[in-house]
Protein backbone atom coordinates (compact mmCIF):
# COMPACT_ATOMS: atom_id res chain seq x y z
CA MET A 1 -77.02 -73.34 56.78
CA ALA A 2 -76.11 -72.19 53.30
CA HIS A 3 -77.00 -74.41 50.38
CA ALA A 4 -75.30 -74.37 47.01
CA ILE A 5 -77.53 -75.61 44.21
CA PRO A 6 -76.95 -75.63 40.49
CA LYS A 7 -79.37 -73.27 38.84
CA LEU A 8 -80.23 -72.39 35.27
CA GLU A 9 -82.03 -69.18 34.49
CA VAL A 10 -83.40 -68.77 31.00
CA LEU A 11 -85.18 -66.19 28.95
CA ILE A 12 -87.66 -67.68 26.50
CA ASP A 13 -88.53 -66.11 23.15
CA LEU A 14 -92.26 -66.84 23.13
CA SER A 15 -92.41 -66.30 19.37
CA ARG A 16 -90.44 -69.58 19.01
CA PRO A 17 -92.04 -71.85 21.63
CA VAL A 18 -91.08 -75.27 20.28
CA GLU A 19 -87.46 -74.36 19.60
CA GLU A 20 -87.08 -72.67 22.98
CA ILE A 21 -88.63 -75.55 24.93
CA THR A 22 -86.45 -78.01 23.04
CA GLU A 23 -83.32 -76.02 23.87
CA VAL A 24 -84.23 -75.88 27.56
CA ILE A 25 -84.86 -79.63 27.68
CA THR A 26 -81.51 -80.23 25.98
CA LEU A 27 -79.73 -78.00 28.49
CA VAL A 28 -81.36 -79.70 31.46
CA ILE A 29 -80.75 -83.28 30.35
CA SER A 30 -77.16 -82.53 29.37
CA SER A 31 -76.49 -81.52 32.98
CA HIS A 32 -77.77 -84.88 34.31
CA PRO A 33 -75.64 -87.64 32.78
CA GLY A 34 -77.19 -91.05 33.25
CA LYS A 35 -80.64 -89.61 34.01
CA GLN A 36 -81.56 -88.31 30.57
CA LYS A 37 -84.04 -91.11 29.84
CA GLU A 38 -85.70 -90.75 33.24
CA ILE A 39 -86.07 -86.99 32.76
CA LEU A 40 -87.39 -87.35 29.21
CA GLU A 41 -89.92 -89.97 30.29
CA ALA A 42 -91.17 -87.67 33.06
CA VAL A 43 -91.44 -84.77 30.62
CA ASP A 44 -93.23 -87.05 28.14
CA LEU A 45 -95.74 -88.03 30.82
CA SER A 46 -96.32 -84.41 31.80
CA VAL A 47 -96.81 -83.31 28.19
CA GLY A 48 -99.15 -86.25 27.58
CA GLU A 49 -101.27 -85.30 30.58
CA ALA A 50 -101.41 -81.65 29.47
CA LEU A 51 -102.38 -82.72 25.95
CA ALA A 52 -105.11 -85.01 27.28
CA LYS A 53 -106.56 -82.17 29.37
CA PHE A 54 -106.39 -79.83 26.39
CA GLU A 55 -108.18 -82.34 24.15
CA GLU A 56 -110.77 -83.05 26.85
CA ASN A 57 -111.56 -79.35 27.21
CA ASN A 58 -111.82 -78.82 23.45
CA ILE A 59 -114.07 -81.83 22.78
CA ASN A 60 -116.76 -80.80 25.24
């Protein structure tokens, strides 16, 4: 059975990581009305976990 799914393909300019990530997050949350907070909280958790791992690896 064929499935139609909304899809966003992006090209990221790695010389501007923060701006590019921010733009992608904005695009994604704008396509999910009513779920923006849920998405942002999940992203916040994921970033927090990545930051904790980074700090753990750099302290030892």
